[in-house]
Amino acid sequence: MTKKHPRVRPEKEYSFWGQLIFGLMYTPLPTAIRYRCGICKGVVGEITDPVVLEKFRYREPRPEER
């Protein structure tokens, strides 16, 4: 299965402080975006580059951007 498959969804992961900041009505920078299969829950891909993560701070990556 590839990252562009319809059943693969991006999941943002945040640090403890990032989760705490959500309570203050601010969107923190995720520490990683993992592409997870909706059936087997396996990780198909991962983004950890801070420059790319900043691009997806407020939205999910579209299928053509994966």
Protein backbone atom coordinates (compact mmCIF):
# COMPACT_ATOMS: atom_id res chain seq x y z
CA MET A 1 0.00 0.00 0.00
CA THR A 2 1.30 3.49 -0.84
CA LYS A 3 0.81 6.88 0.81
CA LYS A 4 -1.62 7.89 -1.96
CA HIS A 5 -4.02 4.98 -1.33
CA PRO A 6 -7.52 6.20 -0.30
CA ARG A 7 -7.46 4.24 2.97
CA VAL A 8 -4.17 5.78 4.13
CA ARG A 9 -4.71 8.82 6.37
CA PRO A 10 -2.21 11.32 7.79
CA GLU A 11 -2.01 11.50 11.60
CA LYS A 12 -0.30 14.43 13.26
CA GLU A 13 1.74 13.77 16.38
CA TYR A 14 2.43 16.48 18.97
CA SER A 15 4.78 16.72 21.93
CA PHE A 16 3.42 17.03 25.47
CA TRP A 17 3.86 20.82 25.35
CA GLY A 18 2.24 20.94 21.93
CA GLN A 19 -0.83 19.17 23.28
CA LEU A 20 -0.91 21.59 26.20
CA ILE A 21 -0.78 24.56 23.83
CA PHE A 22 -3.96 23.32 22.11
CA GLY A 23 -5.76 24.19 25.35
CA LEU A 24 -4.67 27.80 24.88
CA MET A 25 -6.37 27.99 21.47
CA TYR A 26 -3.10 27.95 19.49
CA THR A 27 -2.06 25.42 16.85
CA PRO A 28 1.46 24.14 17.60
CA LEU A 29 3.90 22.66 15.11
CA PRO A 30 3.52 18.87 14.96
CA THR A 31 6.57 16.74 15.74
CA ALA A 32 5.68 14.25 12.97
CA ILE A 33 3.02 13.35 10.44
CA ARG A 34 2.56 9.61 9.99
CA TYR A 35 0.64 8.02 7.13
CA ARG A 36 -1.31 5.15 8.66
CA CYS A 37 -3.34 2.45 6.91
CA GLY A 38 -7.00 2.51 7.94
CA ILE A 39 -7.26 -1.29 7.85
CA CYS A 40 -4.10 -2.73 9.40
CA LYS A 41 -3.02 0.46 11.26
CA GLY A 42 0.51 0.06 9.86
CA VAL A 43 2.65 3.14 9.18
CA VAL A 44 3.25 3.59 5.45
CA GLY A 45 5.34 6.80 5.60
CA GLU A 46 6.42 9.61 7.89
CA ILE A 47 7.34 13.31 7.70
CA THR A 48 9.67 14.72 10.37
CA ASP A 49 11.35 17.60 8.49
CA PRO A 50 10.43 20.85 10.35
CA VAL A 51 10.23 22.87 7.11
CA VAL A 52 7.68 20.48 5.60
CA LEU A 53 5.81 20.17 8.91
CA GLU A 54 5.39 23.97 9.01
CA LYS A 55 3.65 23.76 5.61
CA PHE A 56 1.05 21.37 7.07
CA ARG A 57 0.64 23.04 10.46
CA TYR A 58 -2.97 24.10 9.77
CA ARG A 59 -4.08 21.48 7.27
CA GLU A 60 -3.55 17.88 6.22
CA PRO A 61 -1.46 16.98 3.18
CA ARG A 62 -3.54 16.44 0.07
CA PRO A 63 -3.10 13.13 -1.79
CA GLU A 64 -1.03 14.80 -4.54
CA GLU A 65 1.30 16.31 -1.88
CA ARG A 66 2.10 13.03 -0.15
